[in-house]
N, C-alpha and C. Protein backbone atom coordinates (compact mmCIF):
# COMPACT_ATOMS: atom_id res chain seq x y z
N ILE A 1 -4.50 -22.48 9.25
CA ILE A 1 -3.35 -22.20 8.41
C ILE A 1 -3.78 -21.19 7.35
N ARG A 2 -3.07 -20.12 7.24
CA ARG A 2 -3.35 -19.12 6.21
C ARG A 2 -2.89 -19.65 4.87
N TYR A 3 -3.57 -19.25 3.84
CA TYR A 3 -3.30 -19.74 2.50
C TYR A 3 -2.48 -18.71 1.74
N GLU A 4 -1.38 -19.15 1.12
CA GLU A 4 -0.56 -18.26 0.29
C GLU A 4 -1.33 -17.99 -1.00
N VAL A 5 -1.61 -16.74 -1.25
CA VAL A 5 -2.43 -16.37 -2.40
C VAL A 5 -1.52 -16.07 -3.58
N SER A 6 -1.75 -16.79 -4.68
CA SER A 6 -1.00 -16.52 -5.90
C SER A 6 -1.58 -15.27 -6.57
N LYS A 7 -0.82 -14.71 -7.49
CA LYS A 7 -1.30 -13.52 -8.21
C LYS A 7 -2.57 -13.86 -8.99
N GLU A 8 -2.60 -15.05 -9.54
CA GLU A 8 -3.75 -15.49 -10.32
C GLU A 8 -5.00 -15.56 -9.45
N LEU A 9 -4.88 -16.13 -8.27
CA LEU A 9 -6.02 -16.24 -7.36
C LEU A 9 -6.43 -14.86 -6.85
N ASP A 10 -5.46 -14.02 -6.55
CA ASP A 10 -5.76 -12.66 -6.08
C ASP A 10 -6.54 -11.90 -7.14
N LYS A 11 -6.12 -12.01 -8.38
CA LYS A 11 -6.80 -11.34 -9.49
C LYS A 11 -8.23 -11.89 -9.65
N TYR A 12 -8.37 -13.20 -9.52
CA TYR A 12 -9.67 -13.86 -9.66
C TYR A 12 -10.64 -13.41 -8.56
N VAL A 13 -10.17 -13.38 -7.32
CA VAL A 13 -11.01 -12.96 -6.20
C VAL A 13 -11.42 -11.50 -6.37
N THR A 14 -10.48 -10.66 -6.74
CA THR A 14 -10.78 -9.24 -6.95
C THR A 14 -11.83 -9.05 -8.04
N LYS A 15 -11.69 -9.80 -9.12
CA LYS A 15 -12.65 -9.71 -10.23
C LYS A 15 -14.05 -10.14 -9.78
N LYS A 16 -14.13 -11.25 -9.08
CA LYS A 16 -15.42 -11.78 -8.64
C LYS A 16 -16.11 -10.86 -7.63
N ILE A 17 -15.37 -10.37 -6.65
CA ILE A 17 -15.95 -9.53 -5.61
C ILE A 17 -16.32 -8.16 -6.19
N SER A 18 -15.53 -7.66 -7.13
CA SER A 18 -15.83 -6.37 -7.76
C SER A 18 -17.14 -6.39 -8.53
N LYS A 19 -17.49 -7.53 -9.09
CA LYS A 19 -18.74 -7.65 -9.84
C LYS A 19 -19.97 -7.49 -8.95
N LEU A 20 -19.80 -7.69 -7.67
CA LEU A 20 -20.93 -7.57 -6.74
C LEU A 20 -21.36 -6.12 -6.51
N ASP A 21 -20.55 -5.18 -6.96
CA ASP A 21 -20.82 -3.76 -6.76
C ASP A 21 -22.19 -3.36 -7.33
N LYS A 22 -22.58 -3.96 -8.44
CA LYS A 22 -23.86 -3.58 -9.06
C LYS A 22 -25.08 -4.03 -8.25
N PHE A 23 -24.87 -4.91 -7.29
CA PHE A 23 -25.98 -5.36 -6.44
C PHE A 23 -26.11 -4.53 -5.16
N VAL A 24 -25.21 -3.59 -4.97
CA VAL A 24 -25.22 -2.74 -3.77
C VAL A 24 -25.87 -1.40 -4.13
N PRO A 25 -26.82 -0.92 -3.34
CA PRO A 25 -27.42 0.39 -3.62
C PRO A 25 -26.34 1.47 -3.66
N ARG A 26 -26.54 2.47 -4.50
CA ARG A 26 -25.52 3.52 -4.68
C ARG A 26 -25.17 4.21 -3.38
N HIS A 27 -26.15 4.47 -2.54
CA HIS A 27 -25.87 5.18 -1.29
C HIS A 27 -24.98 4.37 -0.35
N ALA A 28 -24.96 3.05 -0.51
CA ALA A 28 -24.17 2.19 0.38
C ALA A 28 -22.77 1.91 -0.16
N ARG A 29 -22.52 2.21 -1.43
CA ARG A 29 -21.23 1.88 -2.04
C ARG A 29 -20.07 2.64 -1.41
N LYS A 30 -20.32 3.87 -1.00
CA LYS A 30 -19.23 4.69 -0.45
C LYS A 30 -18.70 4.14 0.86
N SER A 31 -19.54 3.54 1.66
CA SER A 31 -19.11 3.04 2.97
C SER A 31 -18.92 1.53 3.01
N LEU A 32 -18.99 0.87 1.87
CA LEU A 32 -18.83 -0.59 1.80
C LEU A 32 -17.37 -0.99 2.06
N ILE A 33 -17.20 -1.94 2.96
CA ILE A 33 -15.88 -2.51 3.24
C ILE A 33 -15.99 -4.02 3.08
N ALA A 34 -15.09 -4.60 2.29
CA ALA A 34 -15.11 -6.05 2.07
C ALA A 34 -13.86 -6.68 2.69
N SER A 35 -14.07 -7.77 3.42
CA SER A 35 -12.96 -8.54 4.00
C SER A 35 -13.00 -9.93 3.40
N VAL A 36 -11.88 -10.39 2.87
CA VAL A 36 -11.79 -11.71 2.26
C VAL A 36 -10.78 -12.54 3.04
N ASN A 37 -11.22 -13.70 3.51
CA ASN A 37 -10.34 -14.62 4.24
C ASN A 37 -10.26 -15.93 3.46
N LEU A 38 -9.04 -16.32 3.10
CA LEU A 38 -8.82 -17.58 2.40
C LEU A 38 -7.94 -18.45 3.30
N GLU A 39 -8.40 -19.68 3.56
CA GLU A 39 -7.66 -20.57 4.45
C GLU A 39 -7.53 -21.96 3.84
N GLU A 40 -6.42 -22.60 4.17
CA GLU A 40 -6.23 -24.00 3.81
C GLU A 40 -6.43 -24.80 5.08
N ARG A 41 -7.32 -25.79 5.01
CA ARG A 41 -7.65 -26.58 6.20
C ARG A 41 -7.04 -27.96 6.09
N LYS A 42 -6.70 -28.52 7.22
CA LYS A 42 -6.09 -29.86 7.26
C LYS A 42 -7.15 -30.92 7.57
N THR A 43 -8.06 -31.12 6.63
CA THR A 43 -9.07 -32.16 6.77
C THR A 43 -9.04 -33.03 5.52
N LYS A 44 -9.64 -34.19 5.59
CA LYS A 44 -9.65 -35.10 4.45
C LYS A 44 -10.54 -34.58 3.33
N THR A 45 -11.65 -33.98 3.70
CA THR A 45 -12.54 -33.40 2.70
C THR A 45 -12.39 -31.88 2.76
N ASP A 46 -13.13 -31.18 1.97
CA ASP A 46 -13.18 -29.72 1.98
C ASP A 46 -11.90 -29.07 2.49
N LYS A 47 -10.92 -29.01 1.65
CA LYS A 47 -9.59 -28.56 2.04
C LYS A 47 -9.44 -27.04 2.10
N TYR A 48 -10.13 -26.31 1.26
CA TYR A 48 -9.96 -24.86 1.19
C TYR A 48 -11.23 -24.15 1.63
N GLN A 49 -11.05 -23.05 2.35
CA GLN A 49 -12.20 -22.29 2.85
C GLN A 49 -12.07 -20.83 2.41
N CYS A 50 -13.18 -20.29 1.94
CA CYS A 50 -13.25 -18.89 1.54
C CYS A 50 -14.37 -18.23 2.34
N GLU A 51 -14.07 -17.08 2.93
CA GLU A 51 -15.08 -16.33 3.67
C GLU A 51 -14.98 -14.87 3.26
N VAL A 52 -16.12 -14.28 2.92
CA VAL A 52 -16.17 -12.86 2.56
C VAL A 52 -17.17 -12.19 3.48
N ILE A 53 -16.75 -11.07 4.06
CA ILE A 53 -17.62 -10.29 4.94
C ILE A 53 -17.76 -8.91 4.32
N LEU A 54 -19.00 -8.49 4.08
CA LEU A 54 -19.28 -7.16 3.55
C LEU A 54 -19.90 -6.32 4.66
N HIS A 55 -19.25 -5.23 4.99
CA HIS A 55 -19.76 -4.31 6.00
C HIS A 55 -20.52 -3.20 5.29
N LEU A 56 -21.83 -3.23 5.39
CA LEU A 56 -22.71 -2.24 4.76
C LEU A 56 -23.36 -1.40 5.84
N PRO A 57 -23.93 -0.26 5.47
CA PRO A 57 -24.68 0.52 6.47
C PRO A 57 -25.82 -0.32 7.05
N ASP A 58 -25.91 -0.39 8.33
CA ASP A 58 -26.99 -1.09 9.05
C ASP A 58 -26.93 -2.60 8.99
N GLN A 59 -25.94 -3.19 8.32
CA GLN A 59 -25.93 -4.65 8.21
C GLN A 59 -24.54 -5.16 7.83
N LYS A 60 -24.26 -6.39 8.27
CA LYS A 60 -23.03 -7.08 7.89
C LYS A 60 -23.46 -8.36 7.18
N ILE A 61 -22.97 -8.56 5.97
CA ILE A 61 -23.32 -9.73 5.17
C ILE A 61 -22.10 -10.65 5.11
N THR A 62 -22.32 -11.92 5.44
CA THR A 62 -21.23 -12.89 5.46
C THR A 62 -21.60 -14.10 4.61
N ALA A 63 -20.61 -14.60 3.87
CA ALA A 63 -20.78 -15.84 3.12
C ALA A 63 -19.50 -16.65 3.28
N LYS A 64 -19.66 -17.94 3.51
CA LYS A 64 -18.52 -18.82 3.75
C LYS A 64 -18.78 -20.15 3.06
N ASP A 65 -17.70 -20.74 2.51
CA ASP A 65 -17.83 -22.06 1.91
C ASP A 65 -16.48 -22.77 1.93
N SER A 66 -16.55 -24.09 2.02
CA SER A 66 -15.34 -24.92 1.99
C SER A 66 -15.50 -25.95 0.88
N THR A 67 -14.43 -26.17 0.14
CA THR A 67 -14.45 -27.14 -0.94
C THR A 67 -13.02 -27.60 -1.25
N VAL A 68 -12.87 -28.49 -2.21
CA VAL A 68 -11.56 -29.04 -2.53
C VAL A 68 -10.74 -28.12 -3.42
N ASN A 69 -11.34 -27.05 -3.95
CA ASN A 69 -10.66 -26.13 -4.84
C ASN A 69 -10.95 -24.70 -4.41
N MET A 70 -9.93 -23.88 -4.25
CA MET A 70 -10.13 -22.50 -3.78
C MET A 70 -10.95 -21.69 -4.78
N PHE A 71 -10.73 -21.88 -6.07
CA PHE A 71 -11.48 -21.14 -7.08
C PHE A 71 -12.97 -21.48 -7.01
N ALA A 72 -13.28 -22.74 -6.79
CA ALA A 72 -14.68 -23.15 -6.65
C ALA A 72 -15.31 -22.54 -5.40
N ALA A 73 -14.55 -22.47 -4.33
CA ALA A 73 -15.06 -21.86 -3.09
C ALA A 73 -15.38 -20.39 -3.31
N VAL A 74 -14.54 -19.69 -4.06
CA VAL A 74 -14.78 -18.27 -4.36
C VAL A 74 -16.05 -18.13 -5.18
N ASP A 75 -16.25 -19.00 -6.17
CA ASP A 75 -17.47 -18.95 -7.00
C ASP A 75 -18.73 -19.16 -6.17
N ILE A 76 -18.69 -20.12 -5.28
CA ILE A 76 -19.86 -20.41 -4.44
C ILE A 76 -20.17 -19.25 -3.51
N VAL A 77 -19.13 -18.67 -2.93
CA VAL A 77 -19.31 -17.52 -2.03
C VAL A 77 -19.88 -16.34 -2.81
N GLU A 78 -19.41 -16.14 -4.03
CA GLU A 78 -19.93 -15.04 -4.86
C GLU A 78 -21.44 -15.21 -5.08
N THR A 79 -21.87 -16.42 -5.38
CA THR A 79 -23.29 -16.69 -5.61
C THR A 79 -24.10 -16.43 -4.34
N LYS A 80 -23.59 -16.86 -3.21
CA LYS A 80 -24.29 -16.63 -1.94
C LYS A 80 -24.41 -15.14 -1.65
N LEU A 81 -23.35 -14.39 -1.92
CA LEU A 81 -23.38 -12.95 -1.67
C LEU A 81 -24.35 -12.23 -2.60
N LYS A 82 -24.43 -12.66 -3.86
CA LYS A 82 -25.38 -12.06 -4.79
C LYS A 82 -26.80 -12.15 -4.25
N THR A 83 -27.16 -13.33 -3.77
CA THR A 83 -28.50 -13.55 -3.23
C THR A 83 -28.76 -12.65 -2.04
N GLN A 84 -27.81 -12.57 -1.13
CA GLN A 84 -27.98 -11.74 0.06
C GLN A 84 -28.01 -10.26 -0.28
N LEU A 85 -27.20 -9.84 -1.26
CA LEU A 85 -27.18 -8.43 -1.65
C LEU A 85 -28.46 -8.01 -2.35
N LYS A 86 -29.05 -8.92 -3.11
CA LYS A 86 -30.34 -8.61 -3.74
C LYS A 86 -31.41 -8.37 -2.68
N LYS A 87 -31.39 -9.18 -1.63
CA LYS A 87 -32.34 -8.98 -0.52
C LYS A 87 -32.06 -7.66 0.20
N TYR A 88 -30.79 -7.36 0.41
CA TYR A 88 -30.41 -6.11 1.07
C TYR A 88 -30.88 -4.91 0.25
N LYS A 89 -30.66 -4.97 -1.05
CA LYS A 89 -31.04 -3.86 -1.92
C LYS A 89 -32.55 -3.69 -1.93
N ALA A 90 -33.29 -4.78 -1.87
CA ALA A 90 -34.76 -4.71 -1.86
C ALA A 90 -35.28 -4.08 -0.57
N THR A 91 -34.66 -4.39 0.55
CA THR A 91 -35.15 -3.88 1.83
C THR A 91 -34.60 -2.50 2.18
N HIS A 92 -33.39 -2.18 1.72
CA HIS A 92 -32.79 -0.90 2.07
C HIS A 92 -32.87 0.12 0.94
N GLY A 93 -33.69 -0.14 -0.03
CA GLY A 93 -33.92 0.83 -1.10
C GLY A 93 -32.88 0.76 -2.18
N GLY A 94 -33.39 0.65 -3.38
CA GLY A 94 -32.51 0.68 -4.54
C GLY A 94 -32.32 2.12 -4.96
N ASP A 95 -32.05 2.31 -6.22
CA ASP A 95 -31.85 3.66 -6.74
C ASP A 95 -33.19 4.34 -6.98
N LYS A 96 -33.16 5.67 -7.10
CA LYS A 96 -34.39 6.44 -7.25
C LYS A 96 -35.15 6.07 -8.51
N GLN A 97 -34.46 5.77 -9.59
CA GLN A 97 -35.16 5.46 -10.83
C GLN A 97 -36.05 4.23 -10.68
N ASP A 98 -35.70 3.31 -9.83
CA ASP A 98 -36.55 2.15 -9.60
C ASP A 98 -37.88 2.58 -8.99
N HIS A 99 -37.83 3.54 -8.07
CA HIS A 99 -39.05 4.02 -7.43
C HIS A 99 -39.93 4.77 -8.43
N HIS A 100 -39.31 5.52 -9.34
CA HIS A 100 -40.09 6.25 -10.34
C HIS A 100 -40.85 5.28 -11.24
N GLY A 101 -40.22 4.16 -11.56
CA GLY A 101 -40.89 3.17 -12.40
C GLY A 101 -42.15 2.65 -11.73
N VAL A 102 -42.10 2.44 -10.44
CA VAL A 102 -43.26 1.97 -9.69
C VAL A 102 -44.35 3.04 -9.69
N LEU A 103 -43.96 4.29 -9.47
CA LEU A 103 -44.93 5.38 -9.46
C LEU A 103 -45.58 5.56 -10.83
N ARG A 104 -44.79 5.46 -11.89
CA ARG A 104 -45.37 5.58 -13.23
C ARG A 104 -46.42 4.51 -13.48
N ARG A 105 -46.09 3.28 -13.09
CA ARG A 105 -47.06 2.20 -13.29
C ARG A 105 -48.32 2.45 -12.46
N PHE A 106 -48.15 2.97 -11.25
CA PHE A 106 -49.30 3.25 -10.40
C PHE A 106 -50.20 4.30 -11.04
N PHE A 107 -49.61 5.41 -11.50
CA PHE A 107 -50.40 6.47 -12.11
C PHE A 107 -51.03 6.02 -13.43
N ARG A 108 -50.34 5.20 -14.18
CA ARG A 108 -50.89 4.69 -15.43
C ARG A 108 -52.12 3.83 -15.14
N ASN A 109 -52.04 3.01 -14.10
CA ASN A 109 -53.19 2.17 -13.73
C ASN A 109 -54.35 3.01 -13.24
N GLN A 110 -54.08 4.12 -12.56
CA GLN A 110 -55.14 5.00 -12.07
C GLN A 110 -55.87 5.67 -13.23
N ARG A 111 -55.13 6.07 -14.26
CA ARG A 111 -55.75 6.72 -15.42
C ARG A 111 -56.64 5.76 -16.20
N ASN A 112 -56.21 4.52 -16.28
CA ASN A 112 -56.96 3.52 -17.04
C ASN A 112 -58.22 3.07 -16.31
N SER A 113 -58.33 3.35 -15.05
CA SER A 113 -59.49 2.90 -14.26
C SER A 113 -60.67 3.79 -14.45
């Protein structure tokens, strides 16, 4: 069953997912596509399900959670995505200034030796 999204929930989801932009490397931001699926389930427990799929260059990142409150499900999915995006950024290269910091420390250590 698809879930009717209120304006308040739509605004909340947009705000939460937009904050994840800072965890995506700059080169990947232009081609990033986010899909958000919100569903109401007919079970006794975990009534609402939130799933977010991020299509990045070379990888697709997915996070899904079910809980009794849709807002809580969005929060949990956001946390899961942050963790996965940090790993993606570490393996697929961050911004150039991060690399310069590593090189500066390397050269500083060489001079002190």
